[in-house]
N, C-alpha and C. Protein backbone atom coordinates (compact mmCIF):
# COMPACT_ATOMS: atom_id res chain seq x y z
N MET A 1 33.34 -104.92 -36.80
CA MET A 1 32.25 -104.13 -36.46
C MET A 1 31.25 -105.08 -35.66
N MET A 2 30.76 -104.51 -34.58
CA MET A 2 29.84 -105.33 -33.73
C MET A 2 28.42 -105.40 -34.40
N TYR A 3 27.80 -106.46 -34.23
CA TYR A 3 26.50 -106.66 -34.81
C TYR A 3 25.47 -105.75 -34.12
N ALA A 4 24.36 -105.51 -34.86
CA ALA A 4 23.25 -104.69 -34.27
C ALA A 4 22.04 -105.72 -34.13
N PRO A 5 21.48 -105.77 -32.98
CA PRO A 5 20.30 -106.66 -32.80
C PRO A 5 19.25 -106.33 -33.82
N THR A 6 18.54 -107.48 -34.21
CA THR A 6 17.47 -107.38 -35.18
C THR A 6 16.08 -107.74 -34.62
N SER A 7 16.03 -108.10 -33.34
CA SER A 7 14.76 -108.34 -32.71
C SER A 7 14.72 -107.66 -31.38
N VAL A 8 13.57 -107.62 -30.83
CA VAL A 8 13.40 -106.97 -29.49
C VAL A 8 14.17 -107.74 -28.46
N ASP A 9 14.07 -109.12 -28.45
CA ASP A 9 14.80 -109.94 -27.52
C ASP A 9 16.31 -109.70 -27.60
N GLU A 10 16.86 -109.63 -28.76
CA GLU A 10 18.23 -109.33 -28.96
C GLU A 10 18.64 -107.95 -28.44
N CYS A 11 17.79 -107.03 -28.65
CA CYS A 11 18.02 -105.65 -28.17
C CYS A 11 18.08 -105.56 -26.61
N LEU A 12 17.07 -106.34 -26.07
CA LEU A 12 17.03 -106.39 -24.58
C LEU A 12 18.29 -107.08 -24.01
N ASP A 13 18.73 -108.06 -24.69
CA ASP A 13 19.95 -108.74 -24.24
C ASP A 13 21.14 -107.85 -24.31
N LEU A 14 21.24 -107.04 -25.39
CA LEU A 14 22.39 -106.10 -25.52
C LEU A 14 22.34 -105.04 -24.41
N ILE A 15 21.19 -104.61 -24.12
CA ILE A 15 21.02 -103.52 -23.10
C ILE A 15 21.52 -104.19 -21.76
N ASP A 16 21.02 -105.36 -21.48
CA ASP A 16 21.44 -106.07 -20.26
C ASP A 16 22.90 -106.34 -20.20
N GLN A 17 23.52 -106.56 -21.35
CA GLN A 17 24.99 -106.76 -21.37
C GLN A 17 25.69 -105.42 -21.06
N ALA A 18 25.22 -104.32 -21.60
CA ALA A 18 25.79 -103.05 -21.37
C ALA A 18 25.69 -102.68 -19.94
N ILE A 19 24.54 -102.94 -19.26
CA ILE A 19 24.42 -102.58 -17.84
C ILE A 19 25.39 -103.51 -17.07
N PHE A 20 25.51 -104.83 -17.39
CA PHE A 20 26.43 -105.71 -16.76
C PHE A 20 27.87 -105.14 -16.80
N GLU A 21 28.24 -104.70 -18.04
CA GLU A 21 29.62 -104.12 -18.20
C GLU A 21 29.88 -102.94 -17.30
N ILE A 22 28.88 -102.10 -17.22
CA ILE A 22 29.05 -100.92 -16.35
C ILE A 22 29.16 -101.33 -14.98
N ASP A 23 28.30 -102.26 -14.54
CA ASP A 23 28.38 -102.70 -13.13
C ASP A 23 29.65 -103.40 -12.77
N ASP A 24 30.35 -103.97 -13.81
CA ASP A 24 31.49 -104.79 -13.60
C ASP A 24 32.76 -103.94 -13.51
N VAL A 25 32.74 -102.66 -13.88
CA VAL A 25 33.90 -101.83 -13.89
C VAL A 25 34.59 -101.74 -12.52
N PRO A 26 33.86 -101.29 -11.52
CA PRO A 26 34.46 -101.22 -10.19
C PRO A 26 35.08 -102.57 -9.69
N MET A 27 34.46 -103.61 -9.96
CA MET A 27 35.01 -104.97 -9.59
C MET A 27 36.31 -105.28 -10.33
N CYS A 28 36.39 -104.97 -11.60
CA CYS A 28 37.55 -105.20 -12.38
C CYS A 28 38.72 -104.30 -11.86
N ALA A 29 38.38 -103.05 -11.49
CA ALA A 29 39.40 -102.15 -10.99
C ALA A 29 39.92 -102.68 -9.63
N ALA A 30 39.04 -103.25 -8.80
CA ALA A 30 39.53 -103.74 -7.58
C ALA A 30 40.42 -104.99 -7.76
N ASP A 31 40.04 -105.78 -8.65
CA ASP A 31 40.87 -107.04 -9.00
C ASP A 31 42.21 -106.66 -9.53
N GLU A 32 42.32 -105.55 -10.22
CA GLU A 32 43.60 -105.15 -10.81
C GLU A 32 44.37 -104.26 -9.86
N GLY A 33 43.90 -104.02 -8.66
CA GLY A 33 44.54 -103.21 -7.71
C GLY A 33 44.44 -101.75 -7.84
N ASP A 34 43.71 -101.25 -8.80
CA ASP A 34 43.51 -99.81 -9.00
C ASP A 34 42.88 -99.14 -7.84
N GLU A 35 43.34 -97.95 -7.53
CA GLU A 35 42.71 -97.16 -6.44
C GLU A 35 41.36 -96.65 -6.76
N ASP A 36 40.52 -96.52 -5.87
CA ASP A 36 39.18 -96.03 -5.96
C ASP A 36 39.10 -94.64 -6.55
N TRP A 37 40.08 -93.76 -6.25
CA TRP A 37 40.07 -92.41 -6.76
C TRP A 37 40.15 -92.38 -8.25
N GLU A 38 40.75 -93.47 -8.91
CA GLU A 38 40.78 -93.46 -10.33
C GLU A 38 39.40 -93.58 -11.02
N PHE A 39 38.50 -94.22 -10.30
CA PHE A 39 37.11 -94.44 -10.81
C PHE A 39 36.02 -93.57 -10.18
N SER A 40 36.40 -92.89 -9.11
CA SER A 40 35.38 -92.10 -8.44
C SER A 40 34.79 -90.97 -9.32
N ASP A 41 35.62 -90.43 -10.21
CA ASP A 41 35.17 -89.42 -11.14
C ASP A 41 34.29 -90.04 -12.26
N LEU A 42 34.41 -91.37 -12.48
CA LEU A 42 33.58 -92.00 -13.48
C LEU A 42 32.22 -92.45 -13.03
N LEU A 43 32.11 -92.61 -11.72
CA LEU A 43 30.87 -93.13 -11.22
C LEU A 43 29.65 -92.33 -11.54
N PRO A 44 29.59 -91.03 -11.52
CA PRO A 44 28.42 -90.24 -11.95
C PRO A 44 28.13 -90.59 -13.48
N LEU A 45 29.12 -90.66 -14.28
CA LEU A 45 28.89 -90.97 -15.72
C LEU A 45 28.27 -92.35 -15.85
N TYR A 46 28.80 -93.34 -15.18
CA TYR A 46 28.32 -94.70 -15.21
C TYR A 46 26.95 -94.78 -14.68
N GLN A 47 26.65 -94.15 -13.57
CA GLN A 47 25.28 -94.07 -13.01
C GLN A 47 24.31 -93.51 -14.01
N GLN A 48 24.68 -92.38 -14.61
CA GLN A 48 23.84 -91.74 -15.60
C GLN A 48 23.57 -92.79 -16.74
N LEU A 49 24.49 -93.46 -17.24
CA LEU A 49 24.27 -94.43 -18.33
C LEU A 49 23.44 -95.59 -17.95
N VAL A 50 23.63 -96.05 -16.65
CA VAL A 50 22.82 -97.19 -16.18
C VAL A 50 21.39 -96.70 -16.17
N GLY A 51 21.07 -95.57 -15.67
CA GLY A 51 19.76 -95.01 -15.65
C GLY A 51 19.13 -94.90 -17.06
N GLU A 52 19.88 -94.42 -17.97
CA GLU A 52 19.48 -94.28 -19.37
C GLU A 52 19.24 -95.63 -19.95
N LEU A 53 20.07 -96.62 -19.73
CA LEU A 53 19.81 -97.98 -20.17
C LEU A 53 18.68 -98.62 -19.55
N GLU A 54 18.41 -98.45 -18.30
CA GLU A 54 17.24 -98.94 -17.66
C GLU A 54 15.92 -98.39 -18.22
N ARG A 55 15.98 -97.14 -18.56
CA ARG A 55 14.74 -96.45 -19.14
C ARG A 55 14.53 -97.02 -20.59
N LEU A 56 15.68 -97.22 -21.30
CA LEU A 56 15.65 -97.76 -22.65
C LEU A 56 15.07 -99.22 -22.56
N HIS A 57 15.63 -100.00 -21.64
CA HIS A 57 15.15 -101.35 -21.50
C HIS A 57 13.65 -101.40 -21.30
N GLU A 58 13.04 -100.64 -20.35
CA GLU A 58 11.70 -100.56 -20.10
C GLU A 58 10.93 -100.22 -21.34
N ALA A 59 11.36 -99.20 -22.06
CA ALA A 59 10.67 -98.69 -23.25
C ALA A 59 10.64 -99.81 -24.34
N VAL A 60 11.75 -100.53 -24.52
CA VAL A 60 11.79 -101.62 -25.50
C VAL A 60 10.94 -102.68 -25.03
N ARG A 61 11.02 -103.12 -23.77
CA ARG A 61 10.23 -104.26 -23.29
C ARG A 61 8.74 -104.07 -23.40
N SER A 62 8.34 -102.80 -23.15
CA SER A 62 6.91 -102.44 -23.13
C SER A 62 6.44 -102.13 -24.57
N GLY A 63 7.26 -102.06 -25.53
CA GLY A 63 6.85 -101.75 -26.88
C GLY A 63 6.75 -100.23 -27.13
N GLN A 64 7.14 -99.49 -26.20
CA GLN A 64 6.96 -97.98 -26.30
C GLN A 64 8.23 -97.31 -27.00
N HIS A 65 9.27 -98.04 -27.28
CA HIS A 65 10.39 -97.36 -27.81
C HIS A 65 10.22 -97.18 -29.39
N ALA A 66 10.46 -95.99 -29.84
CA ALA A 66 10.35 -95.67 -31.28
C ALA A 66 11.67 -95.83 -32.02
N TYR A 67 11.74 -96.72 -32.98
CA TYR A 67 12.89 -97.02 -33.67
C TYR A 67 12.94 -96.14 -34.96
N ALA A 68 14.13 -96.09 -35.58
CA ALA A 68 14.28 -95.38 -36.92
C ALA A 68 13.66 -93.97 -36.84
N THR A 69 13.96 -93.23 -35.79
CA THR A 69 13.51 -91.87 -35.76
C THR A 69 14.38 -90.85 -36.44
N GLY A 70 15.60 -91.33 -36.83
CA GLY A 70 16.58 -90.42 -37.49
C GLY A 70 17.47 -89.73 -36.46
N ALA A 71 17.19 -89.84 -35.18
CA ALA A 71 18.09 -89.24 -34.14
C ALA A 71 18.75 -90.32 -33.30
N ASP A 72 20.00 -90.03 -32.91
CA ASP A 72 20.68 -90.88 -31.96
C ASP A 72 19.93 -91.10 -30.68
N LEU A 73 20.30 -92.15 -29.94
CA LEU A 73 19.68 -92.32 -28.58
C LEU A 73 20.28 -91.21 -27.74
N PRO A 74 19.46 -90.74 -26.83
CA PRO A 74 19.79 -89.51 -26.00
C PRO A 74 21.17 -89.57 -25.37
N PHE A 75 21.68 -90.69 -24.96
CA PHE A 75 22.93 -90.85 -24.27
C PHE A 75 24.16 -90.92 -25.15
N MET A 76 23.91 -91.00 -26.43
CA MET A 76 25.08 -91.17 -27.38
C MET A 76 26.06 -89.96 -27.34
N ALA A 77 25.59 -88.78 -27.15
CA ALA A 77 26.57 -87.65 -27.11
C ALA A 77 27.48 -87.82 -25.93
N VAL A 78 26.91 -88.23 -24.76
CA VAL A 78 27.80 -88.50 -23.61
C VAL A 78 28.82 -89.67 -23.83
N VAL A 79 28.27 -90.75 -24.45
CA VAL A 79 29.13 -91.89 -24.75
C VAL A 79 30.29 -91.46 -25.68
N ARG A 80 29.96 -90.76 -26.76
CA ARG A 80 30.98 -90.36 -27.65
C ARG A 80 32.00 -89.38 -27.02
N ARG A 81 31.55 -88.48 -26.20
CA ARG A 81 32.36 -87.55 -25.56
C ARG A 81 33.37 -88.25 -24.62
N HIS A 82 32.97 -89.34 -23.96
CA HIS A 82 33.80 -90.07 -23.05
C HIS A 82 34.20 -91.47 -23.47
N ARG A 83 34.21 -91.61 -24.81
CA ARG A 83 34.51 -92.96 -25.41
C ARG A 83 35.76 -93.57 -24.85
N GLU A 84 36.76 -92.78 -24.68
CA GLU A 84 38.09 -93.37 -24.18
C GLU A 84 38.03 -93.81 -22.77
N ARG A 85 37.03 -93.42 -22.05
CA ARG A 85 36.89 -93.84 -20.65
C ARG A 85 35.80 -94.91 -20.53
N ILE A 86 35.21 -95.28 -21.60
CA ILE A 86 34.14 -96.34 -21.54
C ILE A 86 34.64 -97.50 -22.47
N PRO A 87 35.22 -98.50 -21.84
CA PRO A 87 35.87 -99.55 -22.57
C PRO A 87 34.86 -100.37 -23.44
N PHE A 88 33.65 -100.34 -23.16
CA PHE A 88 32.60 -101.05 -23.93
C PHE A 88 31.69 -100.16 -24.70
N SER A 89 32.23 -99.01 -25.15
CA SER A 89 31.41 -98.05 -25.93
C SER A 89 30.88 -98.65 -27.22
N ASN A 90 31.54 -99.72 -27.69
CA ASN A 90 30.96 -100.45 -28.92
C ASN A 90 29.59 -101.03 -28.57
N LEU A 91 29.20 -101.40 -27.37
CA LEU A 91 27.91 -101.93 -27.06
C LEU A 91 26.84 -100.75 -27.32
N PHE A 92 27.22 -99.57 -26.91
CA PHE A 92 26.35 -98.41 -27.04
C PHE A 92 26.19 -98.08 -28.53
N GLU A 93 27.24 -98.14 -29.28
CA GLU A 93 27.18 -98.04 -30.77
C GLU A 93 26.29 -99.03 -31.41
N ALA A 94 26.28 -100.27 -30.98
CA ALA A 94 25.42 -101.25 -31.51
C ALA A 94 23.96 -101.00 -31.14
N LEU A 95 23.76 -100.55 -29.95
CA LEU A 95 22.38 -100.23 -29.50
C LEU A 95 21.86 -98.99 -30.41
N ASN A 96 22.75 -98.04 -30.61
CA ASN A 96 22.36 -96.89 -31.39
C ASN A 96 22.00 -97.26 -32.86
N ARG A 97 22.83 -98.12 -33.44
CA ARG A 97 22.60 -98.63 -34.77
C ARG A 97 21.18 -99.31 -34.86
N THR A 98 20.88 -100.06 -33.83
CA THR A 98 19.62 -100.77 -33.67
C THR A 98 18.49 -99.66 -33.66
N HIS A 99 18.66 -98.74 -32.80
CA HIS A 99 17.69 -97.65 -32.64
C HIS A 99 17.42 -96.96 -33.93
N LEU A 100 18.45 -96.77 -34.69
CA LEU A 100 18.36 -96.05 -35.95
C LEU A 100 17.74 -96.78 -37.12
N SER A 101 17.53 -98.13 -36.97
CA SER A 101 17.02 -98.97 -38.03
C SER A 101 15.74 -99.64 -37.51
N ARG A 102 15.10 -100.31 -38.46
CA ARG A 102 13.88 -101.02 -38.17
C ARG A 102 14.27 -102.29 -37.40
N ILE A 103 13.32 -102.74 -36.66
CA ILE A 103 13.59 -103.96 -35.85
C ILE A 103 12.36 -104.82 -35.85
N ARG A 104 12.49 -106.14 -35.78
CA ARG A 104 11.38 -107.04 -35.74
C ARG A 104 10.78 -106.99 -34.37
N GLU A 105 9.51 -106.88 -34.30
CA GLU A 105 8.82 -106.83 -33.01
C GLU A 105 8.58 -108.20 -32.47
């Protein structure tokens, strides 16, 4: 099981890591010789997730993010629905566990 961050800085690092992983997908596909069409249907999903992660990053950084609300992060339904197409979905699960718990400011 992947760890869940316990501080704001760790949470921000994990968000940055998730954004990096999303941005890295097209480059990995090109390195492996996969055709663009295989990933073209994933681009809107990945773009949506990057936008959600960027908003989360800003909310965490500015101290506006509410932890331990009892509800999953807004993008978790999408992540779980497409888990098999998101090779780093464990990062999102770790972020969600952090969101559902208390965190050191």
